[in-house]
């Protein structure tokens, strides 16, 4: 069984590599992903299931340009 830390590290690594399939493999089928924010933040809201989380990241990538991605 993977520890929570290892799962999050795998998730960040997959996102950093642009590998959405690997990222989705770290998620449960019944995940509910919530990003809190004002209505001005296009990707704020609740996303359900793996496809919902993929939509969240699609929204993030459509509105944010990363110059560097190095999670600590």
PDB file of N, CA and C in Angstrom:
ATOM      1  N   UNK A   1       0.844  -1.177   0.000  1.00  0.00           N
ATOM      2  CA  UNK A   1       0.000   0.000   0.000  1.00  0.00           C
ATOM      3  C   UNK A   1       0.892   1.244   0.000  1.00  0.00           C
ATOM      4  N   UNK A   2       0.544   2.205  -0.839  1.00  0.00           N
ATOM      5  CA  UNK A   2       1.307   3.439  -0.912  1.00  0.00           C
ATOM      6  C   UNK A   2       0.909   4.380   0.219  1.00  0.00           C
ATOM      7  N   UNK A   3       1.878   5.113   0.710  1.00  0.00           N
ATOM      8  CA  UNK A   3       1.567   6.115   1.727  1.00  0.00           C
ATOM      9  C   UNK A   3       0.969   7.343   1.051  1.00  0.00           C
ATOM     10  N   UNK A   4       0.284   8.150   1.822  1.00  0.00           N
ATOM     11  CA  UNK A   4      -0.309   9.376   1.286  1.00  0.00           C
ATOM     12  C   UNK A   4       0.752  10.265   0.653  1.00  0.00           C
ATOM     13  N   UNK A   5       1.892  10.372   1.298  1.00  0.00           N
ATOM     14  CA  UNK A   5       2.978  11.203   0.775  1.00  0.00           C
ATOM     15  C   UNK A   5       3.441  10.694  -0.584  1.00  0.00           C
ATOM     16  N   UNK A   6       3.601   9.400  -0.723  1.00  0.00           N
ATOM     17  CA  UNK A   6       4.054   8.829  -1.998  1.00  0.00           C
ATOM     18  C   UNK A   6       3.020   9.055  -3.105  1.00  0.00           C
ATOM     19  N   UNK A   7       1.752   8.964  -2.749  1.00  0.00           N
ATOM     20  CA  UNK A   7       0.698   9.196  -3.738  1.00  0.00           C
ATOM     21  C   UNK A   7       0.749  10.644  -4.221  1.00  0.00           C
ATOM     22  N   UNK A   8       0.872  11.584  -3.281  1.00  0.00           N
ATOM     23  CA  UNK A   8       0.928  12.998  -3.661  1.00  0.00           C
ATOM     24  C   UNK A   8       2.193  13.282  -4.470  1.00  0.00           C
ATOM     25  N   UNK A   9       3.314  12.692  -4.093  1.00  0.00           N
ATOM     26  CA  UNK A   9       4.539  12.873  -4.866  1.00  0.00           C
ATOM     27  C   UNK A   9       4.381  12.343  -6.284  1.00  0.00           C
ATOM     28  N   UNK A  10       3.741  11.190  -6.431  1.00  0.00           N
ATOM     29  CA  UNK A  10       3.503  10.624  -7.762  1.00  0.00           C
ATOM     30  C   UNK A  10       2.574  11.527  -8.569  1.00  0.00           C
ATOM     31  N   UNK A  11       1.586  12.100  -7.895  1.00  0.00           N
ATOM     32  CA  UNK A  11       0.645  13.007  -8.565  1.00  0.00           C
ATOM     33  C   UNK A  11       1.382  14.250  -9.080  1.00  0.00           C
ATOM     34  N   UNK A  12       2.180  14.868  -8.231  1.00  0.00           N
ATOM     35  CA  UNK A  12       2.937  16.052  -8.641  1.00  0.00           C
ATOM     36  C   UNK A  12       3.919  15.727  -9.763  1.00  0.00           C
ATOM     37  N   UNK A  13       4.573  14.584  -9.669  1.00  0.00           N
ATOM     38  CA  UNK A  13       5.513  14.192 -10.707  1.00  0.00           C
ATOM     39  C   UNK A  13       4.793  14.023 -12.040  1.00  0.00           C
ATOM     40  N   UNK A  14       3.668  13.346 -12.015  1.00  0.00           N
ATOM     41  CA  UNK A  14       2.890  13.140 -13.241  1.00  0.00           C
ATOM     42  C   UNK A  14       2.440  14.471 -13.826  1.00  0.00           C
ATOM     43  N   UNK A  15       1.949  15.378 -12.985  1.00  0.00           N
ATOM     44  CA  UNK A  15       1.498  16.681 -13.478  1.00  0.00           C
ATOM     45  C   UNK A  15       2.677  17.457 -14.074  1.00  0.00           C
ATOM     46  N   UNK A  16       3.796  17.434 -13.390  1.00  0.00           N
ATOM     47  CA  UNK A  16       4.988  18.129 -13.879  1.00  0.00           C
ATOM     48  C   UNK A  16       5.465  17.600 -15.215  1.00  0.00           C
ATOM     49  N   UNK A  17       5.244  16.321 -15.465  1.00  0.00           N
ATOM     50  CA  UNK A  17       5.646  15.694 -16.730  1.00  0.00           C
ATOM     51  C   UNK A  17       4.541  15.790 -17.783  1.00  0.00           C
ATOM     52  N   UNK A  18       3.400  16.358 -17.395  1.00  0.00           N
ATOM     53  CA  UNK A  18       2.275  16.461 -18.328  1.00  0.00           C
ATOM     54  C   UNK A  18       1.610  15.129 -18.618  1.00  0.00           C
ATOM     55  N   UNK A  19       1.739  14.170 -17.711  1.00  0.00           N
ATOM     56  CA  UNK A  19       1.207  12.826 -17.911  1.00  0.00           C
ATOM     57  C   UNK A  19      -0.107  12.661 -17.143  1.00  0.00           C
ATOM     58  N   UNK A  20      -1.211  13.076 -17.776  1.00  0.00           N
ATOM     59  CA  UNK A  20      -2.507  13.020 -17.108  1.00  0.00           C
ATOM     60  C   UNK A  20      -2.959  11.590 -16.822  1.00  0.00           C
ATOM     61  N   UNK A  21      -2.576  10.632 -17.642  1.00  0.00           N
ATOM     62  CA  UNK A  21      -2.949   9.235 -17.355  1.00  0.00           C
ATOM     63  C   UNK A  21      -2.309   8.763 -16.061  1.00  0.00           C
ATOM     64  N   UNK A  22      -1.037   9.081 -15.867  1.00  0.00           N
ATOM     65  CA  UNK A  22      -0.361   8.694 -14.619  1.00  0.00           C
ATOM     66  C   UNK A  22      -0.971   9.428 -13.438  1.00  0.00           C
ATOM     67  N   UNK A  23      -1.325  10.703 -13.629  1.00  0.00           N
ATOM     68  CA  UNK A  23      -1.965  11.452 -12.550  1.00  0.00           C
ATOM     69  C   UNK A  23      -3.300  10.818 -12.188  1.00  0.00           C
ATOM     70  N   UNK A  24      -4.111  10.489 -13.193  1.00  0.00           N
ATOM     71  CA  UNK A  24      -5.417   9.876 -12.917  1.00  0.00           C
ATOM     72  C   UNK A  24      -5.270   8.538 -12.217  1.00  0.00           C
ATOM     73  N   UNK A  25      -4.171   7.832 -12.447  1.00  0.00           N
ATOM     74  CA  UNK A  25      -3.949   6.547 -11.779  1.00  0.00           C
ATOM     75  C   UNK A  25      -3.729   6.701 -10.275  1.00  0.00           C
ATOM     76  N   UNK A  26      -3.434   7.926  -9.820  1.00  0.00           N
ATOM     77  CA  UNK A  26      -3.250   8.157  -8.382  1.00  0.00           C
ATOM     78  C   UNK A  26      -4.573   8.466  -7.688  1.00  0.00           C
ATOM     79  N   UNK A  27      -5.662   8.594  -8.459  1.00  0.00           N
ATOM     80  CA  UNK A  27      -6.951   9.009  -7.926  1.00  0.00           C
ATOM     81  C   UNK A  27      -7.906   7.826  -7.760  1.00  0.00           C
ATOM     82  N   UNK A  28      -8.816   7.949  -6.799  1.00  0.00           N
ATOM     83  CA  UNK A  28      -9.865   6.946  -6.670  1.00  0.00           C
ATOM     84  C   UNK A  28     -10.983   7.271  -7.656  1.00  0.00           C
ATOM     85  N   UNK A  29     -11.788   6.283  -7.985  1.00  0.00           N
ATOM     86  CA  UNK A  29     -12.882   6.471  -8.938  1.00  0.00           C
ATOM     87  C   UNK A  29     -13.916   7.481  -8.425  1.00  0.00           C
ATOM     88  N   UNK A  30     -14.095   7.542  -7.117  1.00  0.00           N
ATOM     89  CA  UNK A  30     -15.137   8.398  -6.544  1.00  0.00           C
ATOM     90  C   UNK A  30     -14.590   9.708  -5.960  1.00  0.00           C
ATOM     91  N   UNK A  31     -13.453  10.145  -6.474  1.00  0.00           N
ATOM     92  CA  UNK A  31     -12.830  11.359  -5.959  1.00  0.00           C
ATOM     93  C   UNK A  31     -13.742  12.577  -6.151  1.00  0.00           C
ATOM     94  N   UNK A  32     -13.711  13.445  -5.166  1.00  0.00           N
ATOM     95  CA  UNK A  32     -14.337  14.759  -5.276  1.00  0.00           C
ATOM     96  C   UNK A  32     -13.222  15.770  -5.025  1.00  0.00           C
ATOM     97  N   UNK A  33     -12.904  16.548  -6.050  1.00  0.00           N
ATOM     98  CA  UNK A  33     -11.792  17.498  -6.021  1.00  0.00           C
ATOM     99  C   UNK A  33     -12.389  18.891  -5.895  1.00  0.00           C
ATOM    100  N   UNK A  34     -12.034  19.611  -4.836  1.00  0.00           N
ATOM    101  CA  UNK A  34     -12.597  20.944  -4.609  1.00  0.00           C
ATOM    102  C   UNK A  34     -11.469  21.959  -4.593  1.00  0.00           C
ATOM    103  N   UNK A  35     -11.612  22.978  -5.438  1.00  0.00           N
ATOM    104  CA  UNK A  35     -10.670  24.097  -5.457  1.00  0.00           C
ATOM    105  C   UNK A  35     -11.463  25.327  -5.049  1.00  0.00           C
ATOM    106  N   UNK A  36     -11.169  25.860  -3.870  1.00  0.00           N
ATOM    107  CA  UNK A  36     -11.898  27.008  -3.355  1.00  0.00           C
ATOM    108  C   UNK A  36     -11.355  28.285  -3.977  1.00  0.00           C
ATOM    109  N   UNK A  37     -12.242  29.174  -4.323  1.00  0.00           N
ATOM    110  CA  UNK A  37     -11.835  30.460  -4.864  1.00  0.00           C
ATOM    111  C   UNK A  37     -13.046  31.261  -5.285  1.00  0.00           C
ATOM    112  N   UNK A  38     -12.802  32.504  -5.607  1.00  0.00           N
ATOM    113  CA  UNK A  38     -13.881  33.380  -6.044  1.00  0.00           C
ATOM    114  C   UNK A  38     -14.295  33.031  -7.468  1.00  0.00           C
ATOM    115  N   UNK A  39     -15.418  33.595  -7.910  1.00  0.00           N
ATOM    116  CA  UNK A  39     -15.910  33.300  -9.253  1.00  0.00           C
ATOM    117  C   UNK A  39     -14.974  33.825 -10.342  1.00  0.00           C
ATOM    118  N   UNK A  40     -14.061  34.729  -9.982  1.00  0.00           N
ATOM    119  CA  UNK A  40     -13.086  35.228 -10.951  1.00  0.00           C
ATOM    120  C   UNK A  40     -12.034  34.175 -11.312  1.00  0.00           C
ATOM    121  N   UNK A  41     -11.900  33.165 -10.486  1.00  0.00           N
ATOM    122  CA  UNK A  41     -10.959  32.072 -10.762  1.00  0.00           C
ATOM    123  C   UNK A  41     -11.720  31.017 -11.548  1.00  0.00           C
ATOM    124  N   UNK A  42     -11.432  30.929 -12.843  1.00  0.00           N
ATOM    125  CA  UNK A  42     -12.204  30.063 -13.742  1.00  0.00           C
ATOM    126  C   UNK A  42     -12.196  28.594 -13.332  1.00  0.00           C
ATOM    127  N   UNK A  43     -11.134  28.137 -12.697  1.00  0.00           N
ATOM    128  CA  UNK A  43     -11.046  26.716 -12.356  1.00  0.00           C
ATOM    129  C   UNK A  43     -11.496  26.411 -10.929  1.00  0.00           C
ATOM    130  N   UNK A  44     -12.013  27.413 -10.200  1.00  0.00           N
ATOM    131  CA  UNK A  44     -12.528  27.158  -8.851  1.00  0.00           C
ATOM    132  C   UNK A  44     -13.832  26.368  -8.955  1.00  0.00           C
ATOM    133  N   UNK A  45     -14.038  25.473  -8.016  1.00  0.00           N
ATOM    134  CA  UNK A  45     -15.275  24.709  -8.002  1.00  0.00           C
ATOM    135  C   UNK A  45     -15.067  23.276  -7.571  1.00  0.00           C
ATOM    136  N   UNK A  46     -16.104  22.474  -7.758  1.00  0.00           N
ATOM    137  CA  UNK A  46     -16.088  21.068  -7.365  1.00  0.00           C
ATOM    138  C   UNK A  46     -16.074  20.200  -8.619  1.00  0.00           C
ATOM    139  N   UNK A  47     -15.193  19.231  -8.631  1.00  0.00           N
ATOM    140  CA  UNK A  47     -15.039  18.313  -9.765  1.00  0.00           C
ATOM    141  C   UNK A  47     -15.170  16.892  -9.242  1.00  0.00           C
ATOM    142  N   UNK A  48     -15.976  16.087  -9.925  1.00  0.00           N
ATOM    143  CA  UNK A  48     -16.239  14.721  -9.457  1.00  0.00           C
ATOM    144  C   UNK A  48     -15.674  13.691 -10.426  1.00  0.00           C
ATOM    145  N   UNK A  49     -15.067  12.660  -9.850  1.00  0.00           N
ATOM    146  CA  UNK A  49     -14.516  11.559 -10.633  1.00  0.00           C
ATOM    147  C   UNK A  49     -13.212  11.927 -11.321  1.00  0.00           C
ATOM    148  N   UNK A  50     -12.570  10.917 -11.873  1.00  0.00           N
ATOM    149  CA  UNK A  50     -11.292  11.132 -12.552  1.00  0.00           C
ATOM    150  C   UNK A  50     -11.438  12.085 -13.729  1.00  0.00           C
ATOM    151  N   UNK A  51     -12.538  11.976 -14.464  1.00  0.00           N
ATOM    152  CA  UNK A  51     -12.737  12.874 -15.605  1.00  0.00           C
ATOM    153  C   UNK A  51     -12.951  14.310 -15.128  1.00  0.00           C
ATOM    154  N   UNK A  52     -13.556  14.478 -13.969  1.00  0.00           N
ATOM    155  CA  UNK A  52     -13.722  15.807 -13.403  1.00  0.00           C
ATOM    156  C   UNK A  52     -12.399  16.438 -13.029  1.00  0.00           C
ATOM    157  N   UNK A  53     -11.513  15.645 -12.430  1.00  0.00           N
ATOM    158  CA  UNK A  53     -10.189  16.148 -12.064  1.00  0.00           C
ATOM    159  C   UNK A  53      -9.400  16.499 -13.325  1.00  0.00           C
ATOM    160  N   UNK A  54      -9.548  15.691 -14.356  1.00  0.00           N
ATOM    161  CA  UNK A  54      -8.874  16.006 -15.620  1.00  0.00           C
ATOM    162  C   UNK A  54      -9.400  17.337 -16.166  1.00  0.00           C
ATOM    163  N   UNK A  55     -10.701  17.575 -16.045  1.00  0.00           N
ATOM    164  CA  UNK A  55     -11.276  18.846 -16.490  1.00  0.00           C
ATOM    165  C   UNK A  55     -10.704  20.004 -15.669  1.00  0.00           C
ATOM    166  N   UNK A  56     -10.546  19.796 -14.349  1.00  0.00           N
ATOM    167  CA  UNK A  56      -9.935  20.822 -13.496  1.00  0.00           C
ATOM    168  C   UNK A  56      -8.563  21.203 -14.038  1.00  0.00           C
ATOM    169  N   UNK A  57      -7.715  20.209 -14.289  1.00  0.00           N
ATOM    170  CA  UNK A  57      -6.369  20.502 -14.768  1.00  0.00           C
ATOM    171  C   UNK A  57      -6.387  21.111 -16.171  1.00  0.00           C
ATOM    172  N   UNK A  58      -7.331  20.712 -17.002  1.00  0.00           N
ATOM    173  CA  UNK A  58      -7.486  21.359 -18.311  1.00  0.00           C
ATOM    174  C   UNK A  58      -7.803  22.839 -18.124  1.00  0.00           C
ATOM    175  N   UNK A  59      -8.690  23.144 -17.175  1.00  0.00           N
ATOM    176  CA  UNK A  59      -9.034  24.535 -16.892  1.00  0.00           C
ATOM    177  C   UNK A  59      -7.840  25.306 -16.345  1.00  0.00           C
ATOM    178  N   UNK A  60      -7.099  24.705 -15.437  1.00  0.00           N
ATOM    179  CA  UNK A  60      -5.904  25.351 -14.887  1.00  0.00           C
ATOM    180  C   UNK A  60      -4.923  25.650 -16.017  1.00  0.00           C
ATOM    181  N   UNK A  61      -4.658  24.655 -16.834  1.00  0.00           N
ATOM    182  CA  UNK A  61      -3.673  24.823 -17.914  1.00  0.00           C
ATOM    183  C   UNK A  61      -4.122  25.850 -18.948  1.00  0.00           C
ATOM    184  N   UNK A  62      -5.435  26.034 -19.101  1.00  0.00           N
ATOM    185  CA  UNK A  62      -5.949  27.011 -20.057  1.00  0.00           C
ATOM    186  C   UNK A  62      -5.820  28.448 -19.540  1.00  0.00           C
ATOM    187  N   UNK A  63      -5.677  28.606 -18.219  1.00  0.00           N
ATOM    188  CA  UNK A  63      -5.677  29.951 -17.647  1.00  0.00           C
ATOM    189  C   UNK A  63      -4.388  30.340 -16.928  1.00  0.00           C
ATOM    190  N   UNK A  64      -3.491  29.402 -16.748  1.00  0.00           N
ATOM    191  CA  UNK A  64      -2.247  29.685 -16.028  1.00  0.00           C
ATOM    192  C   UNK A  64      -1.072  29.233 -16.883  1.00  0.00           C
ATOM    193  N   UNK A  65      -0.080  30.095 -16.997  1.00  0.00           N
ATOM    194  CA  UNK A  65       1.148  29.727 -17.708  1.00  0.00           C
ATOM    195  C   UNK A  65       2.255  29.519 -16.674  1.00  0.00           C
ATOM    196  N   UNK A  66       2.765  28.322 -16.631  1.00  0.00           N
ATOM    197  CA  UNK A  66       3.853  28.006 -15.705  1.00  0.00           C
ATOM    198  C   UNK A  66       5.191  28.267 -16.393  1.00  0.00           C
ATOM    199  N   UNK A  67       6.037  28.987 -15.720  1.00  0.00           N
ATOM    200  CA  UNK A  67       7.401  29.157 -16.207  1.00  0.00           C
ATOM    201  C   UNK A  67       8.294  28.082 -15.617  1.00  0.00           C
ATOM    202  N   UNK A  68       7.889  27.564 -14.451  1.00  0.00           N
ATOM    203  CA  UNK A  68       8.661  26.530 -13.768  1.00  0.00           C
ATOM    204  C   UNK A  68       7.706  25.815 -12.818  1.00  0.00           C
ATOM    205  N   UNK A  69       7.835  24.514 -12.682  1.00  0.00           N
ATOM    206  CA  UNK A  69       6.984  23.739 -11.775  1.00  0.00           C
ATOM    207  C   UNK A  69       7.886  22.845 -10.938  1.00  0.00           C
ATOM    208  N   UNK A  70       8.078  23.208  -9.668  1.00  0.00           N
ATOM    209  CA  UNK A  70       8.926  22.447  -8.761  1.00  0.00           C
ATOM    210  C   UNK A  70       8.248  22.368  -7.392  1.00  0.00           C
ATOM    211  N   UNK A  71       7.385  21.412  -7.181  1.00  0.00           N
ATOM    212  CA  UNK A  71       6.726  21.298  -5.873  1.00  0.00           C
ATOM    213  C   UNK A  71       7.745  20.916  -4.802  1.00  0.00           C
ATOM    214  N   UNK A  72       7.555  21.476  -3.649  1.00  0.00           N
ATOM    215  CA  UNK A  72       8.448  21.170  -2.500  1.00  0.00           C
ATOM    216  C   UNK A  72       7.724  20.316  -1.486  1.00  0.00           C
TER     217      UNK A  72
END
